[in-house]
Amino acid sequence: MDTTLLPYGGELRDFAFLDVRLGTVDGGEQGLLVMKSNHLVAVLTQVDEELYSVRGGWFLETGYGRLNGCHRVFDNLDEATSWIAGHFRDDQDILDESKVYGVA
């Protein structure tokens, strides 16, 4: 298992991805911890089409802060990372205070 943090360029310059195995099924599943500015913002799992009868490459298992409550299947890792990065394009904090504190 490669546990190296992998930095990405461009719009993903503040992101890093940690390759992990998730203990969700026998033998584990391929997963990625998605970090933004040293904060865990999401966990992605690689979709096993045969096991789940779902088409797609990666599943947003869980999100934190702005991605709290989001679950989505992506065709590939590029689509997943671009979608995640799209939620962090402005200068707001990583934390979505409206979801955490119930602020409207």
Protein backbone atom coordinates (compact mmCIF):
# COMPACT_ATOMS: atom_id res chain seq x y z
CA MET A 1 0.00 0.00 0.00
CA ASP A 2 1.38 3.40 -0.99
CA THR A 3 0.76 5.80 1.87
CA THR A 4 2.50 8.77 0.29
CA LEU A 5 0.64 12.05 0.20
CA LEU A 6 0.20 12.95 -3.43
CA PRO A 7 0.03 16.71 -4.09
CA TYR A 8 -1.77 17.90 -7.22
CA GLY A 9 -1.24 21.12 -9.18
CA GLY A 10 -3.52 23.74 -10.67
CA GLU A 11 -6.85 24.17 -8.93
CA LEU A 12 -5.87 21.30 -6.64
CA ARG A 13 -2.68 22.94 -5.37
CA ASP A 14 -3.85 22.90 -1.73
CA PHE A 15 -5.11 19.31 -1.96
CA ALA A 16 -3.37 16.06 -1.14
CA PHE A 17 -4.59 12.48 -1.41
CA LEU A 18 -3.62 9.62 0.88
CA ASP A 19 -3.97 6.14 -0.62
CA VAL A 20 -5.62 3.82 1.95
CA ARG A 21 -7.51 0.52 2.27
CA LEU A 22 -10.93 0.87 3.90
CA GLY A 23 -12.24 -2.00 6.01
CA THR A 24 -15.73 -1.84 4.51
CA VAL A 25 -15.75 -5.32 2.88
CA ASP A 26 -13.73 -8.51 3.24
CA GLY A 27 -10.25 -7.72 1.98
CA GLY A 28 -10.87 -3.98 2.14
CA GLU A 29 -11.58 -1.46 -0.58
CA GLN A 30 -9.26 0.95 -2.31
CA GLY A 31 -9.80 4.42 -0.87
CA LEU A 32 -8.44 7.93 -0.77
CA LEU A 33 -8.40 10.41 2.07
CA VAL A 34 -8.83 13.85 0.51
CA MET A 35 -6.97 16.61 2.34
CA LYS A 36 -7.41 20.36 1.80
CA SER A 37 -4.84 22.59 3.52
CA ASN A 38 -4.02 19.76 5.96
CA HIS A 39 -7.70 19.16 6.83
CA LEU A 40 -9.53 15.92 6.01
CA VAL A 41 -12.45 16.97 3.78
CA ALA A 42 -13.57 13.69 2.16
CA VAL A 43 -13.16 9.94 1.91
CA LEU A 44 -13.47 8.37 -1.55
CA THR A 45 -13.80 4.65 -2.26
CA GLN A 46 -13.19 2.96 -5.58
CA VAL A 47 -16.42 1.38 -6.80
CA ASP A 48 -16.41 -2.38 -7.32
CA GLU A 49 -18.99 -2.59 -10.13
CA GLU A 50 -19.37 -6.36 -9.77
CA LEU A 51 -19.92 -6.23 -6.01
CA TYR A 52 -22.32 -3.27 -5.93
CA SER A 53 -23.96 -3.43 -9.39
CA VAL A 54 -23.31 0.29 -9.69
CA ARG A 55 -21.54 1.89 -12.62
CA GLY A 56 -18.86 4.39 -11.76
CA GLY A 57 -15.30 4.68 -10.66
CA TRP A 58 -15.30 6.43 -7.27
CA PHE A 59 -17.85 7.02 -4.51
CA LEU A 60 -17.82 9.94 -2.09
CA GLU A 61 -18.16 7.83 1.04
CA THR A 62 -18.26 10.78 3.40
CA GLY A 63 -17.52 14.47 3.38
CA TYR A 64 -16.65 16.92 6.11
CA GLY A 65 -17.25 20.66 6.48
CA ARG A 66 -18.64 21.95 3.17
CA LEU A 67 -19.06 18.39 1.90
CA ASN A 68 -20.94 17.16 4.96
CA GLY A 69 -23.88 14.97 3.92
CA CYS A 70 -22.75 14.66 0.28
CA HIS A 71 -22.71 11.22 -1.32
CA ARG A 72 -22.09 10.81 -5.02
CA VAL A 73 -20.69 8.40 -7.61
CA PHE A 74 -18.11 9.70 -10.10
CA ASP A 75 -17.00 8.11 -13.37
CA ASN A 76 -13.32 8.65 -12.58
CA LEU A 77 -10.93 10.18 -10.08
CA ASP A 78 -10.46 13.36 -12.13
CA GLU A 79 -14.20 14.02 -12.04
CA ALA A 80 -14.32 13.38 -8.29
CA THR A 81 -11.39 15.64 -7.45
CA SER A 82 -12.64 18.44 -9.73
CA TRP A 83 -16.09 18.30 -8.11
CA ILE A 84 -14.58 18.39 -4.62
CA ALA A 85 -12.22 21.25 -5.54
CA GLY A 86 -15.20 23.18 -6.93
CA HIS A 87 -16.59 23.44 -3.41
CA PHE A 88 -13.44 25.22 -2.20
CA ARG A 89 -12.86 27.90 -4.86
CA ASP A 90 -13.57 30.95 -2.73
CA ASP A 91 -11.81 32.36 0.34
CA GLN A 92 -14.23 30.94 2.91
CA ASP A 93 -13.10 28.58 5.61
CA ILE A 94 -13.03 24.87 4.89
CA LEU A 95 -15.71 24.41 7.53
CA ASP A 96 -19.28 25.12 6.42
CA GLU A 97 -20.53 26.85 9.55
CA SER A 98 -24.16 26.88 8.38
CA LYS A 99 -24.27 23.07 8.46
CA VAL A 100 -22.37 22.71 11.72
CA TYR A 101 -24.13 25.39 13.75
CA GLY A 102 -27.52 25.43 11.99
CA VAL A 103 -27.07 29.02 10.79
CA ALA A 104 -29.34 29.92 7.89
